[in-house]
């Protein structure tokens, strides 16, 4: 039986301060009582409410402790908590998780290495991930930080159709960072549609309206 003497429920309530008060841990003397099926039963002494919950093999749960008097509900708290956990789990599963990948460049990177790393950036963006682009400076390379900025601006231009800069370039220590994120799919589709050439008229559409009134090689008859 899951009555008020349930050691598991009272132990959980003791450990976690986010749990509502259950059963014998409810401190109020009276409560506004709600039945397991949601019916408003009125105001009861806590001792009577506990007895009613215990007779049904259920728990008495304080759901509104700041009300006057507090509101308590008779319920199967273990079942209720399980259902809430399952709903939260399902909600987390349905959430879109955005990964952040990192690609590192050197300020003196050659053309071949740049193109290789750019392909990685494109691949990550196409998979839906954000990309943190890092320029790593060594030694006296910090004197020419503008070279790193030029690489980031070049990359921004190269991937403009695929992504946008979410965090502008900034210098921290010996590294320069920029965060790029993929465009939403509907935005990309809209851009693609705008880029498509307009359809040309068919030959039938191009015929003059009075073409049917003329015969080949002869002008239309006049009065």
Protein backbone atom coordinates (compact mmCIF):
# COMPACT_ATOMS: atom_id res chain seq x y z
CA UNK A 1 0.00 0.00 0.00
CA UNK A 2 1.24 3.53 -0.90
CA UNK A 3 -0.28 5.28 2.08
CA UNK A 4 1.18 8.07 4.13
CA UNK A 5 3.73 5.79 5.77
CA UNK A 6 5.47 5.11 2.43
CA UNK A 7 9.20 5.31 3.27
CA UNK A 8 10.27 5.88 -0.35
CA UNK A 9 8.12 8.96 -0.89
CA UNK A 10 8.98 10.60 2.41
CA UNK A 11 12.68 9.96 1.81
CA UNK A 12 12.54 11.67 -1.58
CA UNK A 13 10.72 14.62 -0.05
CA UNK A 14 13.37 14.88 2.68
CA UNK A 15 16.29 14.93 0.25
CA UNK A 16 14.93 17.33 -2.39
CA UNK A 17 13.70 20.79 -1.39
CA UNK A 18 11.94 21.13 -4.77
CA UNK A 19 9.49 18.34 -3.93
CA UNK A 20 6.11 19.29 -2.46
CA UNK A 21 5.32 18.25 1.09
CA UNK A 22 3.72 14.83 1.30
CA UNK A 23 1.59 13.08 3.88
CA UNK A 24 2.89 13.44 7.46
CA UNK A 25 5.31 16.20 6.41
CA UNK A 26 2.50 18.66 5.69
CA UNK A 27 2.71 21.24 8.49
CA UNK A 28 -0.64 23.01 8.15
CA UNK A 29 -3.55 22.04 10.40
CA UNK A 30 -6.20 22.53 7.73
CA UNK A 31 -6.28 22.37 3.94
CA UNK A 32 -8.54 22.92 0.99
CA UNK A 33 -8.86 19.38 -0.32
CA UNK A 34 -9.08 18.17 -3.92
CA UNK A 35 -9.90 14.57 -4.75
CA UNK A 36 -7.88 12.32 -7.05
CA UNK A 37 -10.27 13.06 -9.94
CA UNK A 38 -10.07 16.85 -9.43
CA UNK A 39 -13.25 17.41 -7.43
CA UNK A 40 -13.21 20.26 -4.90
CA UNK A 41 -14.09 18.64 -1.56
CA UNK A 42 -13.88 21.70 0.69
CA UNK A 43 -11.83 22.50 3.79
CA UNK A 44 -10.68 19.60 5.96
CA UNK A 45 -8.43 19.07 8.94
CA UNK A 46 -5.12 17.60 7.79
CA UNK A 47 -5.68 14.54 9.98
CA UNK A 48 -8.98 13.84 8.19
CA UNK A 49 -7.44 14.44 4.75
CA UNK A 50 -4.60 12.04 5.58
CA UNK A 51 -7.10 9.40 6.69
CA UNK A 52 -9.05 9.76 3.44
CA UNK A 53 -5.89 9.44 1.34
CA UNK A 54 -4.71 6.46 3.35
CA UNK A 55 -8.06 4.68 2.92
CA UNK A 56 -7.66 4.98 -0.87
CA UNK A 57 -4.04 3.83 -0.79
CA UNK A 58 -2.94 7.22 -2.11
CA UNK A 59 -0.85 10.18 -0.97
CA UNK A 60 -1.82 13.60 0.31
CA UNK A 61 0.21 16.21 -1.61
CA UNK A 62 0.43 19.90 -0.74
CA UNK A 63 0.16 21.52 -4.18
CA UNK A 64 -0.33 25.18 -3.15
CA UNK A 65 1.49 25.74 0.17
CA UNK A 66 1.15 29.55 0.10
CA UNK A 67 -2.63 29.57 -0.17
CA UNK A 68 -4.77 30.20 2.90
CA UNK A 69 -5.48 27.50 3.80
CA UNK A 70 -2.96 25.46 1.73
CA UNK A 71 -4.39 23.37 -1.10
CA UNK A 72 -3.78 19.64 -0.92
CA UNK A 73 -4.68 16.91 -3.39
CA UNK A 74 -5.18 13.20 -2.95
CA UNK A 75 -3.17 11.41 -5.65
CA UNK A 76 -0.80 8.59 -6.51
CA UNK A 77 2.29 10.76 -6.23
CA UNK A 78 4.68 8.09 -7.48
CA UNK A 79 2.63 7.67 -10.66
CA UNK A 80 2.24 11.44 -11.07
CA UNK A 81 5.97 12.03 -10.76
CA UNK A 82 6.75 9.26 -13.26
CA UNK A 83 4.35 10.78 -15.80
CA UNK A 84 5.92 14.23 -15.36
CA UNK A 85 9.39 12.76 -15.89
CA UNK A 86 8.24 11.03 -19.07
CA UNK A 87 6.73 14.26 -20.41
CA UNK A 88 9.94 16.16 -19.66
CA UNK A 89 12.00 13.43 -21.32
CA UNK A 90 9.81 13.58 -24.43
CA UNK A 91 10.08 17.37 -24.55
CA UNK A 92 13.88 17.20 -24.34
CA UNK A 93 13.92 14.59 -27.10
CA UNK A 94 11.88 16.84 -29.38
CA UNK A 95 14.11 19.83 -28.80
CA UNK A 96 16.51 20.75 -31.59
CA UNK A 97 20.05 20.38 -30.34
CA UNK A 98 22.51 22.76 -31.93
CA UNK A 99 26.11 21.60 -31.90
CA UNK A 100 29.05 23.98 -32.00
CA UNK A 101 32.04 22.76 -33.99
CA UNK A 102 35.42 24.48 -34.08
CA UNK A 103 37.79 24.99 -37.00
CA UNK A 104 41.23 26.53 -36.43
CA UNK A 105 43.11 28.63 -38.98
CA UNK A 106 46.62 30.08 -38.98
CA UNK A 107 47.15 33.68 -40.15
CA UNK A 108 49.66 32.48 -42.78
CA UNK A 109 47.47 29.66 -44.11
CA UNK A 110 48.04 28.79 -47.78
CA UNK A 111 45.29 28.59 -50.39
CA UNK A 112 45.04 24.78 -50.36
CA UNK A 113 44.71 24.52 -46.57
CA UNK A 114 42.19 27.36 -46.57
CA UNK A 115 39.98 25.58 -49.11
CA UNK A 116 40.22 22.31 -47.15
CA UNK A 117 39.20 23.96 -43.88
CA UNK A 118 36.44 25.90 -45.63
CA UNK A 119 34.98 22.60 -46.84
CA UNK A 120 34.88 21.39 -43.24
CA UNK A 121 33.08 24.58 -42.20
CA UNK A 122 30.54 24.10 -45.01
CA UNK A 123 30.00 20.46 -44.06
CA UNK A 124 29.34 21.37 -40.42
CA UNK A 125 26.94 24.15 -41.40
CA UNK A 126 25.03 21.87 -43.78
CA UNK A 127 24.56 19.40 -40.93
CA UNK A 128 22.92 22.17 -38.88
CA UNK A 129 25.83 22.92 -36.54
CA UNK A 130 27.22 26.30 -35.64
CA UNK A 131 30.93 26.78 -36.25
CA UNK A 132 33.44 28.60 -34.08
CA UNK A 133 36.22 29.79 -36.37
CA UNK A 134 39.48 30.43 -34.55
CA UNK A 135 42.60 32.21 -35.82
CA UNK A 136 45.64 31.14 -33.78
CA UNK A 137 48.52 33.61 -33.53
CA UNK A 138 52.03 32.69 -32.46
CA UNK A 139 54.88 34.91 -31.36
CA UNK A 140 55.19 38.11 -33.39
CA UNK A 141 52.19 37.20 -35.55
CA UNK A 142 50.10 39.19 -33.06
CA UNK A 143 51.62 42.35 -34.54
CA UNK A 144 49.65 41.67 -37.73
CA UNK A 145 46.28 40.71 -36.27
CA UNK A 146 44.63 42.24 -39.34
CA UNK A 147 45.74 39.16 -41.32
CA UNK A 148 43.58 36.97 -39.14
CA UNK A 149 40.67 39.37 -39.53
CA UNK A 150 41.12 39.26 -43.31
CA UNK A 151 40.80 35.45 -43.25
CA UNK A 152 37.60 35.63 -41.22
CA UNK A 153 36.11 38.25 -43.53
CA UNK A 154 37.08 36.16 -46.56
CA UNK A 155 35.41 33.10 -45.03
CA UNK A 156 32.31 35.12 -44.17
CA UNK A 157 31.98 36.16 -47.82
CA UNK A 158 32.58 32.62 -49.09
CA UNK A 159 29.82 31.08 -46.96
CA UNK A 160 27.35 33.98 -47.09
CA UNK A 161 24.73 31.92 -48.94
CA UNK A 162 24.91 29.18 -46.33
CA UNK A 163 25.43 30.98 -43.02
CA UNK A 164 25.57 34.28 -41.17
CA UNK A 165 27.92 35.65 -38.53
CA UNK A 166 26.30 35.24 -35.13
CA UNK A 167 29.25 36.64 -33.18
CA UNK A 168 31.55 39.16 -34.82
CA UNK A 169 35.35 38.59 -34.70
CA UNK A 170 36.95 39.38 -31.39
CA UNK A 171 40.47 38.99 -30.07
CA UNK A 172 41.07 37.15 -26.80
CA UNK A 173 44.67 36.55 -25.82
CA UNK A 174 46.46 35.03 -28.81
CA UNK A 175 43.28 33.85 -30.52
CA UNK A 176 40.68 35.57 -32.66
CA UNK A 177 37.17 34.09 -32.71
CA UNK A 178 34.11 34.30 -34.92
CA UNK A 179 30.91 32.28 -34.59
CA UNK A 180 28.87 31.46 -37.68
CA UNK A 181 25.45 29.81 -37.78
CA UNK A 182 23.51 28.23 -40.65
CA UNK A 183 20.58 30.07 -42.16
CA UNK A 184 17.20 28.59 -41.39
CA UNK A 185 16.09 26.20 -44.11
CA UNK A 186 13.10 28.32 -45.11
CA UNK A 187 15.38 31.32 -45.61
CA UNK A 188 17.70 29.26 -47.82
CA UNK A 189 14.74 28.02 -49.88
CA UNK A 190 13.49 31.57 -50.34
CA UNK A 191 16.91 32.70 -51.58
CA UNK A 192 17.03 29.78 -54.00
CA UNK A 193 13.60 30.64 -55.35
CA UNK A 194 14.58 34.29 -55.85
CA UNK A 195 17.67 33.19 -57.75
CA UNK A 196 15.72 31.08 -60.27
CA UNK A 197 15.23 32.76 -63.69
CA UNK A 198 11.68 33.71 -64.64
CA UNK A 199 9.96 31.30 -66.99
CA UNK A 200 9.83 32.42 -70.66
CA UNK A 201 6.61 32.53 -72.61
CA UNK A 202 5.76 29.59 -74.86
CA UNK A 203 5.50 30.01 -78.61
CA UNK A 204 1.72 29.76 -78.35
CA UNK A 205 1.65 32.63 -75.88
CA UNK A 206 3.84 34.70 -78.20
CA UNK A 207 1.46 34.51 -81.19
CA UNK A 208 -0.37 37.72 -82.05
CA UNK A 209 -4.03 37.83 -81.20
CA UNK A 210 -5.15 38.16 -84.85
CA UNK A 211 -2.88 35.45 -86.26
CA UNK A 212 -5.88 33.27 -87.00
CA UNK A 213 -7.31 35.90 -89.38
CA UNK A 214 -4.35 35.71 -91.78
CA UNK A 215 -3.23 33.08 -94.24
CA UNK A 216 0.41 32.40 -94.98
CA UNK A 217 1.89 34.93 -97.40
CA UNK A 218 -1.38 36.91 -97.70
CA UNK A 219 -2.42 40.00 -95.83
CA UNK A 220 -5.70 40.06 -93.95
CA UNK A 221 -8.67 40.98 -96.08
CA UNK A 222 -9.83 44.58 -95.96
CA UNK A 223 -13.10 46.05 -96.98
